PDB file of N, CA and C in Angstrom:
ATOM      1  N   MET A   1      -9.200  -7.178  33.940  1.00  0.00           N
ATOM      2  CA  MET A   1     -10.110  -7.708  32.801  1.00  0.00           C
ATOM      3  C   MET A   1      -9.570  -6.990  31.574  1.00  0.00           C
ATOM      4  N   SER A   2      -9.413  -7.694  30.689  1.00  0.00           N
ATOM      5  CA  SER A   2      -9.096  -7.111  29.388  1.00  0.00           C
ATOM      6  C   SER A   2     -10.346  -6.774  28.150  1.00  0.00           C
ATOM      7  N   ASP A   3     -10.442  -5.599  27.475  1.00  0.00           N
ATOM      8  CA  ASP A   3     -11.550  -5.200  26.679  1.00  0.00           C
ATOM      9  C   ASP A   3     -11.297  -5.938  25.223  1.00  0.00           C
ATOM     10  N   ALA A   4     -10.068  -6.417  25.091  1.00  0.00           N
ATOM     11  CA  ALA A   4      -9.776  -7.237  23.804  1.00  0.00           C
ATOM     12  C   ALA A   4     -10.560  -8.070  23.313  1.00  0.00           C
ATOM     13  N   VAL A   5     -10.779  -7.930  21.976  1.00  0.00           N
ATOM     14  CA  VAL A   5     -11.509  -9.282  21.524  1.00  0.00           C
ATOM     15  C   VAL A   5     -10.748 -10.479  21.265  1.00  0.00           C
ATOM     16  N   PRO A   6     -11.404 -11.424  22.038  1.00  0.00           N
ATOM     17  CA  PRO A   6     -10.218 -12.672  22.132  1.00  0.00           C
ATOM     18  C   PRO A   6     -10.463 -13.338  20.426  1.00  0.00           C
ATOM     19  N   GLN A   7      -9.178 -13.505  20.320  1.00  0.00           N
ATOM     20  CA  GLN A   7      -9.005 -14.330  19.072  1.00  0.00           C
ATOM     21  C   GLN A   7      -8.495 -15.800  19.485  1.00  0.00           C
ATOM     22  N   PRO A   8      -9.052 -16.938  18.566  1.00  0.00           N
ATOM     23  CA  PRO A   8      -8.876 -18.379  18.714  1.00  0.00           C
ATOM     24  C   PRO A   8      -7.540 -18.710  18.439  1.00  0.00           C
ATOM     25  N   ASP A   9      -6.499 -17.682  17.588  1.00  0.00           N
ATOM     26  CA  ASP A   9      -5.307 -17.723  17.211  1.00  0.00           C
ATOM     27  C   ASP A   9      -4.860 -16.479  16.953  1.00  0.00           C
ATOM     28  N   ASP A  10      -3.516 -16.415  16.463  1.00  0.00           N
ATOM     29  CA  ASP A  10      -2.760 -14.861  16.365  1.00  0.00           C
ATOM     30  C   ASP A  10      -3.413 -14.342  15.004  1.00  0.00           C
ATOM     31  N   THR A  11      -4.637 -14.637  14.514  1.00  0.00           N
ATOM     32  CA  THR A  11      -4.946 -14.020  13.484  1.00  0.00           C
ATOM     33  C   THR A  11      -5.647 -12.624  13.679  1.00  0.00           C
ATOM     34  N   PRO A  12      -4.969 -11.527  13.003  1.00  0.00           N
ATOM     35  CA  PRO A  12      -5.350 -10.033  13.209  1.00  0.00           C
ATOM     36  C   PRO A  12      -7.029 -10.180  12.808  1.00  0.00           C
ATOM     37  N   VAL A  13      -7.498  -9.254  13.600  1.00  0.00           N
ATOM     38  CA  VAL A  13      -9.066  -8.963  13.605  1.00  0.00           C
ATOM     39  C   VAL A  13      -9.390  -8.090  12.254  1.00  0.00           C
ATOM     40  N   PHE A  14      -8.290  -7.592  11.957  1.00  0.00           N
ATOM     41  CA  PHE A  14      -8.300  -6.510  10.539  1.00  0.00           C
ATOM     42  C   PHE A  14      -7.097  -6.629   9.511  1.00  0.00           C
ATOM     43  N   ARG A  15      -7.618  -7.149   8.306  1.00  0.00           N
ATOM     44  CA  ARG A  15      -6.231  -7.748   7.570  1.00  0.00           C
ATOM     45  C   ARG A  15      -5.468  -6.266   6.913  1.00  0.00           C
ATOM     46  N   GLU A  16      -6.178  -5.136   6.740  1.00  0.00           N
ATOM     47  CA  GLU A  16      -5.533  -4.133   6.402  1.00  0.00           C
ATOM     48  C   GLU A  16      -5.979  -2.645   7.126  1.00  0.00           C
ATOM     49  N   PRO A  17      -5.288  -1.982   7.162  1.00  0.00           N
ATOM     50  CA  PRO A  17      -4.955  -0.783   8.049  1.00  0.00           C
ATOM     51  C   PRO A  17      -6.507  -0.087   7.761  1.00  0.00           C
ATOM     52  N   TRP A  18      -7.006   0.083   6.623  1.00  0.00           N
ATOM     53  CA  TRP A  18      -8.235   0.916   6.255  1.00  0.00           C
ATOM     54  C   TRP A  18      -9.537   0.261   7.014  1.00  0.00           C
ATOM     55  N   GLU A  19      -9.425  -1.076   7.005  1.00  0.00           N
ATOM     56  CA  GLU A  19     -10.627  -2.036   7.532  1.00  0.00           C
ATOM     57  C   GLU A  19     -10.645  -1.340   9.043  1.00  0.00           C
ATOM     58  N   ALA A  20      -9.645  -0.991   9.848  1.00  0.00           N
ATOM     59  CA  ALA A  20      -9.769  -0.993  11.127  1.00  0.00           C
ATOM     60  C   ALA A  20     -10.195   0.592  11.086  1.00  0.00           C
ATOM     61  N   GLN A  21      -9.782   1.265  10.174  1.00  0.00           N
ATOM     62  CA  GLN A  21     -10.198   2.751  10.244  1.00  0.00           C
ATOM     63  C   GLN A  21     -11.632   3.033   9.850  1.00  0.00           C
ATOM     64  N   ALA A  22     -12.312   2.127   8.899  1.00  0.00           N
ATOM     65  CA  ALA A  22     -13.438   2.029   8.529  1.00  0.00           C
ATOM     66  C   ALA A  22     -14.352   1.883   9.828  1.00  0.00           C
ATOM     67  N   PHE A  23     -14.114   0.614  10.736  1.00  0.00           N
ATOM     68  CA  PHE A  23     -14.748   0.173  11.965  1.00  0.00           C
ATOM     69  C   PHE A  23     -14.635   1.364  12.568  1.00  0.00           C
ATOM     70  N   ALA A  24     -13.563   2.081  12.965  1.00  0.00           N
ATOM     71  CA  ALA A  24     -13.480   3.213  13.999  1.00  0.00           C
ATOM     72  C   ALA A  24     -14.411   4.280  13.549  1.00  0.00           C
ATOM     73  N   ILE A  25     -14.482   4.512  12.452  1.00  0.00           N
ATOM     74  CA  ILE A  25     -15.450   5.460  11.876  1.00  0.00           C
ATOM     75  C   ILE A  25     -16.910   5.626  12.360  1.00  0.00           C
ATOM     76  N   VAL A  26     -17.216   4.184  11.920  1.00  0.00           N
ATOM     77  CA  VAL A  26     -18.671   3.896  12.429  1.00  0.00           C
ATOM     78  C   VAL A  26     -18.864   3.966  14.220  1.00  0.00           C
ATOM     79  N   VAL A  27     -17.866   3.288  14.683  1.00  0.00           N
ATOM     80  CA  VAL A  27     -18.412   3.239  16.300  1.00  0.00           C
ATOM     81  C   VAL A  27     -18.264   4.983  16.628  1.00  0.00           C
ATOM     82  N   ALA A  28     -17.317   5.706  16.041  1.00  0.00           N
ATOM     83  CA  ALA A  28     -17.435   7.224  16.367  1.00  0.00           C
ATOM     84  C   ALA A  28     -18.614   7.717  16.223  1.00  0.00           C
ATOM     85  N   LEU A  29     -18.836   7.472  14.764  1.00  0.00           N
ATOM     86  CA  LEU A  29     -20.426   8.107  14.419  1.00  0.00           C
ATOM     87  C   LEU A  29     -21.704   7.999  15.249  1.00  0.00           C
ATOM     88  N   HIS A  30     -21.506   6.328  15.608  1.00  0.00           N
ATOM     89  CA  HIS A  30     -22.475   5.879  16.180  1.00  0.00           C
ATOM     90  C   HIS A  30     -22.461   6.582  17.699  1.00  0.00           C
ATOM     91  N   GLN A  31     -20.931   6.911  18.314  1.00  0.00           N
ATOM     92  CA  GLN A  31     -21.188   7.388  19.674  1.00  0.00           C
ATOM     93  C   GLN A  31     -21.624   8.718  19.613  1.00  0.00           C
ATOM     94  N   GLN A  32     -21.379   9.707  18.725  1.00  0.00           N
ATOM     95  CA  GLN A  32     -21.774  10.757  18.658  1.00  0.00           C
ATOM     96  C   GLN A  32     -23.452  10.929  18.324  1.00  0.00           C
ATOM     97  N   GLY A  33     -24.316  10.035  18.402  1.00  0.00           N
ATOM     98  CA  GLY A  33     -25.806   9.794  18.115  1.00  0.00           C
ATOM     99  C   GLY A  33     -25.888  10.192  16.770  1.00  0.00           C
ATOM    100  N   LEU A  34     -25.079  10.129  15.736  1.00  0.00           N
ATOM    101  CA  LEU A  34     -25.582  10.166  14.082  1.00  0.00           C
ATOM    102  C   LEU A  34     -26.364   8.970  13.879  1.00  0.00           C
ATOM    103  N   PHE A  35     -26.311   7.886  14.373  1.00  0.00           N
ATOM    104  CA  PHE A  35     -27.301   6.634  13.577  1.00  0.00           C
ATOM    105  C   PHE A  35     -27.051   5.985  14.920  1.00  0.00           C
ATOM    106  N   SER A  36     -28.172   5.052  15.095  1.00  0.00           N
ATOM    107  CA  SER A  36     -28.419   4.022  15.885  1.00  0.00           C
ATOM    108  C   SER A  36     -27.596   2.819  15.659  1.00  0.00           C
ATOM    109  N   TRP A  37     -27.459   2.032  16.453  1.00  0.00           N
ATOM    110  CA  TRP A  37     -26.878   0.750  16.218  1.00  0.00           C
ATOM    111  C   TRP A  37     -27.745   0.217  15.417  1.00  0.00           C
ATOM    112  N   SER A  38     -28.939  -0.289  15.606  1.00  0.00           N
ATOM    113  CA  SER A  38     -30.106  -1.253  14.843  1.00  0.00           C
ATOM    114  C   SER A  38     -30.042  -0.374  13.566  1.00  0.00           C
ATOM    115  N   GLU A  39     -30.018   1.013  13.207  1.00  0.00           N
ATOM    116  CA  GLU A  39     -29.902   1.566  11.873  1.00  0.00           C
ATOM    117  C   GLU A  39     -28.558   0.872  11.140  1.00  0.00           C
ATOM    118  N   TRP A  40     -27.547   1.196  11.753  1.00  0.00           N
ATOM    119  CA  TRP A  40     -26.173   0.512  11.108  1.00  0.00           C
ATOM    120  C   TRP A  40     -26.394  -1.052  10.905  1.00  0.00           C
ATOM    121  N   THR A  41     -27.019  -1.804  11.755  1.00  0.00           N
ATOM    122  CA  THR A  41     -26.804  -3.381  11.462  1.00  0.00           C
ATOM    123  C   THR A  41     -27.974  -3.435  10.112  1.00  0.00           C
ATOM    124  N   GLN A  42     -28.795  -2.843  10.208  1.00  0.00           N
ATOM    125  CA  GLN A  42     -30.056  -2.957   9.069  1.00  0.00           C
ATOM    126  C   GLN A  42     -29.127  -2.593   7.801  1.00  0.00           C
ATOM    127  N   THR A  43     -28.310  -1.389   7.658  1.00  0.00           N
ATOM    128  CA  THR A  43     -28.011  -0.938   6.433  1.00  0.00           C
ATOM    129  C   THR A  43     -26.640  -1.961   5.942  1.00  0.00           C
ATOM    130  N   LEU A  44     -25.999  -2.453   6.981  1.00  0.00           N
ATOM    131  CA  LEU A  44     -24.872  -3.372   6.781  1.00  0.00           C
ATOM    132  C   LEU A  44     -25.423  -4.676   6.214  1.00  0.00           C
ATOM    133  N   SER A  45     -26.653  -5.231   6.841  1.00  0.00           N
ATOM    134  CA  SER A  45     -27.232  -6.214   6.475  1.00  0.00           C
ATOM    135  C   SER A  45     -27.632  -6.046   5.027  1.00  0.00           C
ATOM    136  N   SER A  46     -28.329  -5.081   4.625  1.00  0.00           N
ATOM    137  CA  SER A  46     -28.674  -4.716   3.242  1.00  0.00           C
ATOM    138  C   SER A  46     -27.537  -4.590   2.261  1.00  0.00           C
ATOM    139  N   GLN A  47     -26.610  -4.091   2.644  1.00  0.00           N
ATOM    140  CA  GLN A  47     -25.571  -3.991   1.746  1.00  0.00           C
ATOM    141  C   GLN A  47     -25.067  -5.247   1.182  1.00  0.00           C
ATOM    142  N   ILE A  48     -24.560  -6.173   2.621  1.00  0.00           N
ATOM    143  CA  ILE A  48     -23.956  -7.386   2.372  1.00  0.00           C
ATOM    144  C   ILE A  48     -25.024  -8.366   1.653  1.00  0.00           C
ATOM    145  N   ALA A  49     -26.397  -8.235   1.611  1.00  0.00           N
ATOM    146  CA  ALA A  49     -27.318  -8.933   0.713  1.00  0.00           C
ATOM    147  C   ALA A  49     -27.133  -8.381  -0.579  1.00  0.00           C
ATOM    148  N   THR A  50     -26.966  -7.322  -1.128  1.00  0.00           N
ATOM    149  CA  THR A  50     -27.032  -6.815  -2.109  1.00  0.00           C
ATOM    150  C   THR A  50     -25.740  -7.238  -3.123  1.00  0.00           C
ATOM    151  N   ALA A  51     -24.776  -6.984  -2.373  1.00  0.00           N
ATOM    152  CA  ALA A  51     -23.383  -7.323  -2.917  1.00  0.00           C
ATOM    153  C   ALA A  51     -22.795  -8.691  -2.762  1.00  0.00           C
ATOM    154  N   GLN A  52     -23.612  -9.594  -2.242  1.00  0.00           N
ATOM    155  CA  GLN A  52     -23.138 -11.193  -2.070  1.00  0.00           C
ATOM    156  C   GLN A  52     -22.233 -11.602  -3.187  1.00  0.00           C
ATOM    157  N   THR A  53     -22.960 -11.117  -4.255  1.00  0.00           N
ATOM    158  CA  THR A  53     -22.275 -12.210  -5.338  1.00  0.00           C
ATOM    159  C   THR A  53     -20.847 -11.475  -6.290  1.00  0.00           C
ATOM    160  N   ASN A  54     -20.728 -10.246  -5.591  1.00  0.00           N
ATOM    161  CA  ASN A  54     -19.500  -9.540  -6.047  1.00  0.00           C
ATOM    162  C   ASN A  54     -17.942 -10.007  -5.726  1.00  0.00           C
ATOM    163  N   GLY A  55     -17.835 -10.818  -4.489  1.00  0.00           N
ATOM    164  CA  GLY A  55     -16.626 -11.451  -3.827  1.00  0.00           C
ATOM    165  C   GLY A  55     -15.745 -10.465  -3.210  1.00  0.00           C
ATOM    166  N   GLU A  56     -17.076  -9.415  -2.570  1.00  0.00           N
ATOM    167  CA  GLU A  56     -16.235  -8.543  -1.654  1.00  0.00           C
ATOM    168  C   GLU A  56     -16.140  -8.773  -0.398  1.00  0.00           C
ATOM    169  N   THR A  57     -14.929  -8.302   0.362  1.00  0.00           N
ATOM    170  CA  THR A  57     -15.013  -9.108   1.708  1.00  0.00           C
ATOM    171  C   THR A  57     -15.799  -8.109   2.318  1.00  0.00           C
ATOM    172  N   TYR A  58     -15.690  -8.725   3.981  1.00  0.00           N
ATOM    173  CA  TYR A  58     -16.790  -8.288   5.005  1.00  0.00           C
ATOM    174  C   TYR A  58     -16.877  -6.688   4.874  1.00  0.00           C
ATOM    175  N   TYR A  59     -15.416  -6.082   5.158  1.00  0.00           N
ATOM    176  CA  TYR A  59     -15.249  -4.705   5.381  1.00  0.00           C
ATOM    177  C   TYR A  59     -15.435  -3.816   4.267  1.00  0.00           C
ATOM    178  N   GLU A  60     -15.194  -4.466   2.893  1.00  0.00           N
ATOM    179  CA  GLU A  60     -15.575  -3.688   1.759  1.00  0.00           C
ATOM    180  C   GLU A  60     -17.310  -3.217   1.899  1.00  0.00           C
ATOM    181  N   HIS A  61     -18.180  -4.350   2.246  1.00  0.00           N
ATOM    182  CA  HIS A  61     -19.435  -4.074   2.565  1.00  0.00           C
ATOM    183  C   HIS A  61     -19.815  -3.026   3.895  1.00  0.00           C
ATOM    184  N   TRP A  62     -18.529  -3.269   4.912  1.00  0.00           N
ATOM    185  CA  TRP A  62     -18.867  -2.218   5.894  1.00  0.00           C
ATOM    186  C   TRP A  62     -18.697  -0.829   5.516  1.00  0.00           C
ATOM    187  N   LEU A  63     -17.560  -0.752   4.696  1.00  0.00           N
ATOM    188  CA  LEU A  63     -17.277   0.805   4.247  1.00  0.00           C
ATOM    189  C   LEU A  63     -18.454   1.198   3.308  1.00  0.00           C
ATOM    190  N   ALA A  64     -19.220   0.410   2.276  1.00  0.00           N
ATOM    191  CA  ALA A  64     -20.180   0.700   1.633  1.00  0.00           C
ATOM    192  C   ALA A  64     -21.661   0.919   2.308  1.00  0.00           C
ATOM    193  N   ALA A  65     -21.783   0.369   3.380  1.00  0.00           N
ATOM    194  CA  ALA A  65     -22.804   0.591   4.426  1.00  0.00           C
ATOM    195  C   ALA A  65     -22.580   1.807   4.837  1.00  0.00           C
ATOM    196  N   LEU A  66     -21.167   2.178   5.548  1.00  0.00           N
ATOM    197  CA  LEU A  66     -20.931   3.321   6.044  1.00  0.00           C
ATOM    198  C   LEU A  66     -21.177   4.876   4.926  1.00  0.00           C
ATOM    199  N   GLU A  67     -20.698   4.392   3.882  1.00  0.00           N
ATOM    200  CA  GLU A  67     -21.008   5.630   2.908  1.00  0.00           C
ATOM    201  C   GLU A  67     -22.460   5.568   2.617  1.00  0.00           C
ATOM    202  N   THR A  68     -23.296   4.821   2.676  1.00  0.00           N
ATOM    203  CA  THR A  68     -24.937   4.656   2.451  1.00  0.00           C
ATOM    204  C   THR A  68     -25.302   5.650   3.677  1.00  0.00           C
ATOM    205  N   LEU A  69     -25.123   5.342   4.831  1.00  0.00           N
ATOM    206  CA  LEU A  69     -25.561   6.101   6.108  1.00  0.00           C
ATOM    207  C   LEU A  69     -25.032   7.636   6.466  1.00  0.00           C
ATOM    208  N   VAL A  70     -24.015   7.654   5.548  1.00  0.00           N
ATOM    209  CA  VAL A  70     -23.299   9.013   5.957  1.00  0.00           C
ATOM    210  C   VAL A  70     -24.226  10.097   4.748  1.00  0.00           C
ATOM    211  N   ALA A  71     -24.241   9.256   3.758  1.00  0.00           N
ATOM    212  CA  ALA A  71     -25.004  10.178   2.566  1.00  0.00           C
ATOM    213  C   ALA A  71     -26.789  10.249   3.158  1.00  0.00           C
ATOM    214  N   ASP A  72     -27.220   9.233   3.442  1.00  0.00           N
ATOM    215  CA  ASP A  72     -28.398   9.183   4.034  1.00  0.00           C
ATOM    216  C   ASP A  72     -28.584  10.167   4.966  1.00  0.00           C
ATOM    217  N   LYS A  73     -28.010  10.251   5.870  1.00  0.00           N
ATOM    218  CA  LYS A  73     -28.043  11.358   7.292  1.00  0.00           C
ATOM    219  C   LYS A  73     -27.400  12.615   6.588  1.00  0.00           C
ATOM    220  N   GLY A  74     -27.169  12.891   5.395  1.00  0.00           N
ATOM    221  CA  GLY A  74     -26.932  14.261   5.152  1.00  0.00           C
ATOM    222  C   GLY A  74     -25.358  14.575   5.634  1.00  0.00           C
ATOM    223  N   LEU A  75     -24.436  13.782   6.383  1.00  0.00           N
ATOM    224  CA  LEU A  75     -23.125  14.326   6.579  1.00  0.00           C
ATOM    225  C   LEU A  75     -22.114  14.261   5.519  1.00  0.00           C
ATOM    226  N   SER A  76     -22.530  13.964   4.181  1.00  0.00           N
ATOM    227  CA  SER A  76     -21.764  14.026   3.114  1.00  0.00           C
ATOM    228  C   SER A  76     -22.606  13.668   1.935  1.00  0.00           C
ATOM    229  N   SER A  77     -22.201  14.137   0.815  1.00  0.00           N
ATOM    230  CA  SER A  77     -22.965  13.769  -0.590  1.00  0.00           C
ATOM    231  C   SER A  77     -22.664  12.610  -1.056  1.00  0.00           C
ATOM    232  N   ARG A  78     -23.556  11.646  -2.172  1.00  0.00           N
ATOM    233  CA  ARG A  78     -22.515  10.588  -2.591  1.00  0.00           C
ATOM    234  C   ARG A  78     -21.680  11.225  -3.721  1.00  0.00           C
ATOM    235  N   GLU A  79     -21.694  12.234  -4.274  1.00  0.00           N
ATOM    236  CA  GLU A  79     -20.889  12.997  -4.710  1.00  0.00           C
ATOM    237  C   GLU A  79     -19.534  13.256  -4.242  1.00  0.00           C
ATOM    238  N   GLU A  80     -19.773  13.777  -3.198  1.00  0.00           N
ATOM    239  CA  GLU A  80     -18.580  14.321  -2.342  1.00  0.00           C
ATOM    240  C   GLU A  80     -17.757  13.086  -1.997  1.00  0.00           C
ATOM    241  N   LEU A  81     -18.464  12.022  -1.505  1.00  0.00           N
ATOM    242  CA  LEU A  81     -17.973  10.903  -1.425  1.00  0.00           C
ATOM    243  C   LEU A  81     -17.064  10.251  -2.479  1.00  0.00           C
ATOM    244  N   THR A  82     -17.713  10.213  -3.792  1.00  0.00           N
ATOM    245  CA  THR A  82     -17.165  10.033  -4.829  1.00  0.00           C
ATOM    246  C   THR A  82     -15.811  10.470  -5.558  1.00  0.00           C
ATOM    247  N   HIS A  83     -15.923  11.998  -5.287  1.00  0.00           N
ATOM    248  CA  HIS A  83     -14.842  12.495  -5.523  1.00  0.00           C
ATOM    249  C   HIS A  83     -14.021  12.488  -4.675  1.00  0.00           C
ATOM    250  N   TYR A  84     -13.627  12.250  -3.153  1.00  0.00           N
ATOM    251  CA  TYR A  84     -12.552  11.816  -2.528  1.00  0.00           C
ATOM    252  C   TYR A  84     -12.372  10.098  -2.726  1.00  0.00           C
ATOM    253  N   GLN A  85     -13.314   9.527  -3.194  1.00  0.00           N
ATOM    254  CA  GLN A  85     -12.912   8.131  -3.556  1.00  0.00           C
ATOM    255  C   GLN A  85     -11.857   8.220  -4.523  1.00  0.00           C
ATOM    256  N   ARG A  86     -12.231   9.082  -5.753  1.00  0.00           N
ATOM    257  CA  ARG A  86     -10.931   9.114  -7.080  1.00  0.00           C
ATOM    258  C   ARG A  86      -9.948   9.769  -6.620  1.00  0.00           C
ATOM    259  N   ALA A  87      -9.826  10.840  -5.447  1.00  0.00           N
ATOM    260  CA  ALA A  87      -8.669  11.417  -5.175  1.00  0.00           C
ATOM    261  C   ALA A  87      -7.959  10.463  -4.587  1.00  0.00           C
ATOM    262  N   TRP A  88      -8.346   9.688  -3.785  1.00  0.00           N
ATOM    263  CA  TRP A  88      -7.670   8.409  -2.978  1.00  0.00           C
ATOM    264  C   TRP A  88      -7.066   7.390  -3.946  1.00  0.00           C
ATOM    265  N   GLU A  89      -7.785   7.018  -5.015  1.00  0.00           N
ATOM    266  CA  GLU A  89      -7.406   6.358  -6.156  1.00  0.00           C
ATOM    267  C   GLU A  89      -6.395   6.707  -6.774  1.00  0.00           C
ATOM    268  N   HIS A  90      -6.100   8.362  -7.127  1.00  0.00           N
ATOM    269  CA  HIS A  90      -5.183   8.916  -7.712  1.00  0.00           C
ATOM    270  C   HIS A  90      -4.121   8.781  -6.809  1.00  0.00           C
ATOM    271  N   ALA A  91      -4.078   9.264  -5.707  1.00  0.00           N
ATOM    272  CA  ALA A  91      -3.031   9.161  -4.841  1.00  0.00           C
ATOM    273  C   ALA A  91      -2.093   7.837  -4.861  1.00  0.00           C
ATOM    274  N   ALA A  92      -3.239   6.587  -4.614  1.00  0.00           N
ATOM    275  CA  ALA A  92      -2.885   5.542  -4.612  1.00  0.00           C
ATOM    276  C   ALA A  92      -2.204   5.050  -5.749  1.00  0.00           C
ATOM    277  N   HIS A  93      -2.578   5.229  -6.832  1.00  0.00           N
ATOM    278  CA  HIS A  93      -2.160   5.174  -8.404  1.00  0.00           C
ATOM    279  C   HIS A  93      -0.441   5.489  -8.299  1.00  0.00           C
ATOM    280  N   ARG A  94      -0.114   7.107  -7.721  1.00  0.00           N
ATOM    281  CA  ARG A  94       1.365   7.618  -7.766  1.00  0.00           C
ATOM    282  C   ARG A  94       2.066   7.101  -6.881  1.00  0.00           C
ATOM    283  N   THR A  95       1.614   6.403  -5.715  1.00  0.00           N
ATOM    284  CA  THR A  95       2.550   6.025  -4.662  1.00  0.00           C
ATOM    285  C   THR A  95       3.080   4.547  -4.848  1.00  0.00           C
ATOM    286  N   PRO A  96       4.260   4.452  -4.895  1.00  0.00           N
ATOM    287  CA  PRO A  96       5.085   2.906  -5.051  1.00  0.00           C
ATOM    288  C   PRO A  96       4.712   2.090  -3.903  1.00  0.00           C
ATOM    289  N   HIS A  97       4.317   0.938  -4.520  1.00  0.00           N
ATOM    290  CA  HIS A  97       3.678  -0.225  -3.677  1.00  0.00           C
ATOM    291  C   HIS A  97       4.771  -0.268  -2.479  1.00  0.00           C
ATOM    292  N   GLY A  98       3.986  -0.457  -1.343  1.00  0.00           N
ATOM    293  CA  GLY A  98       4.662  -0.698   0.216  1.00  0.00           C
ATOM    294  C   GLY A  98       4.782   0.524   0.757  1.00  0.00           C
ATOM    295  N   MET A  99       4.738   1.777   0.020  1.00  0.00           N
ATOM    296  CA  MET A  99       4.565   2.903   0.687  1.00  0.00           C
ATOM    297  C   MET A  99       3.341   3.537   1.536  1.00  0.00           C
ATOM    298  N   SER A 100       3.179   4.537   2.165  1.00  0.00           N
ATOM    299  CA  SER A 100       2.060   4.932   2.760  1.00  0.00           C
ATOM    300  C   SER A 100       1.514   5.758   1.729  1.00  0.00           C
ATOM    301  N   ILE A 101       0.067   5.691   1.607  1.00  0.00           N
ATOM    302  CA  ILE A 101      -0.689   6.456   0.602  1.00  0.00           C
ATOM    303  C   ILE A 101      -0.552   8.342   1.306  1.00  0.00           C
ATOM    304  N   ASP A 102      -0.039   9.077   0.411  1.00  0.00           N
ATOM    305  CA  ASP A 102      -0.244  10.550   1.123  1.00  0.00           C
ATOM    306  C   ASP A 102      -1.329  11.300   0.336  1.00  0.00           C
ATOM    307  N   LEU A 103      -2.409  11.707   0.381  1.00  0.00           N
ATOM    308  CA  LEU A 103      -3.396  12.463  -0.282  1.00  0.00           C
ATOM    309  C   LEU A 103      -3.054  13.840  -0.048  1.00  0.00           C
ATOM    310  N   ARG A 104      -2.564  14.338  -1.418  1.00  0.00           N
ATOM    311  CA  ARG A 104      -2.381  15.603  -1.468  1.00  0.00           C
ATOM    312  C   ARG A 104      -3.196  16.573  -2.165  1.00  0.00           C
ATOM    313  N   SER A 105      -2.984  17.911  -2.211  1.00  0.00           N
ATOM    314  CA  SER A 105      -4.159  18.937  -2.582  1.00  0.00           C
ATOM    315  C   SER A 105      -4.309  18.622  -3.974  1.00  0.00           C
ATOM    316  N   GLU A 106      -3.194  17.987  -4.965  1.00  0.00           N
ATOM    317  CA  GLU A 106      -3.442  18.040  -6.149  1.00  0.00           C
ATOM    318  C   GLU A 106      -4.139  16.811  -6.665  1.00  0.00           C
ATOM    319  N   ASP A 107      -4.195  15.975  -5.640  1.00  0.00           N
ATOM    320  CA  ASP A 107      -5.031  14.626  -5.837  1.00  0.00           C
ATOM    321  C   ASP A 107      -6.688  15.147  -5.782  1.00  0.00           C
ATOM    322  N   ILE A 108      -6.804  15.832  -4.957  1.00  0.00           N
ATOM    323  CA  ILE A 108      -8.369  16.510  -4.795  1.00  0.00           C
ATOM    324  C   ILE A 108      -8.949  17.278  -5.430  1.00  0.00           C
ATOM    325  N   GLY A 109      -7.705  18.070  -6.075  1.00  0.00           N
ATOM    326  CA  GLY A 109      -8.522  18.877  -7.262  1.00  0.00           C
ATOM    327  C   GLY A 109      -9.380  19.975  -6.667  1.00  0.00           C
ATOM    328  N   GLY A 110     -10.656  20.404  -7.701  1.00  0.00           N
ATOM    329  CA  GLY A 110     -11.520  21.365  -7.165  1.00  0.00           C
ATOM    330  C   GLY A 110     -13.017  21.077  -7.880  1.00  0.00           C
TER     331      GLY A 110
END
């Protein structure tokens, strides 16, 4: 018996690699006992409700809920998350389209 999520057609579960990574991070942090699954679903539901009109994708809500829980649990600060988000955006901006993004120390700064 397979543990794979059944799909009605060949549609991938995730459209982008970062969506799968965000999913995996949530599962790993939950498995480590950093938050309960009910905390996760409540945070995700709240995020979806507040951002519904922004035209964001499901996994953008997922990522925002993950960031909220990580900050609320003290695993990182909102400032640190913003710092790394800006570093990632800087790295993405200098990376040619279609190439893997390489986050370098000059992107992160101090």
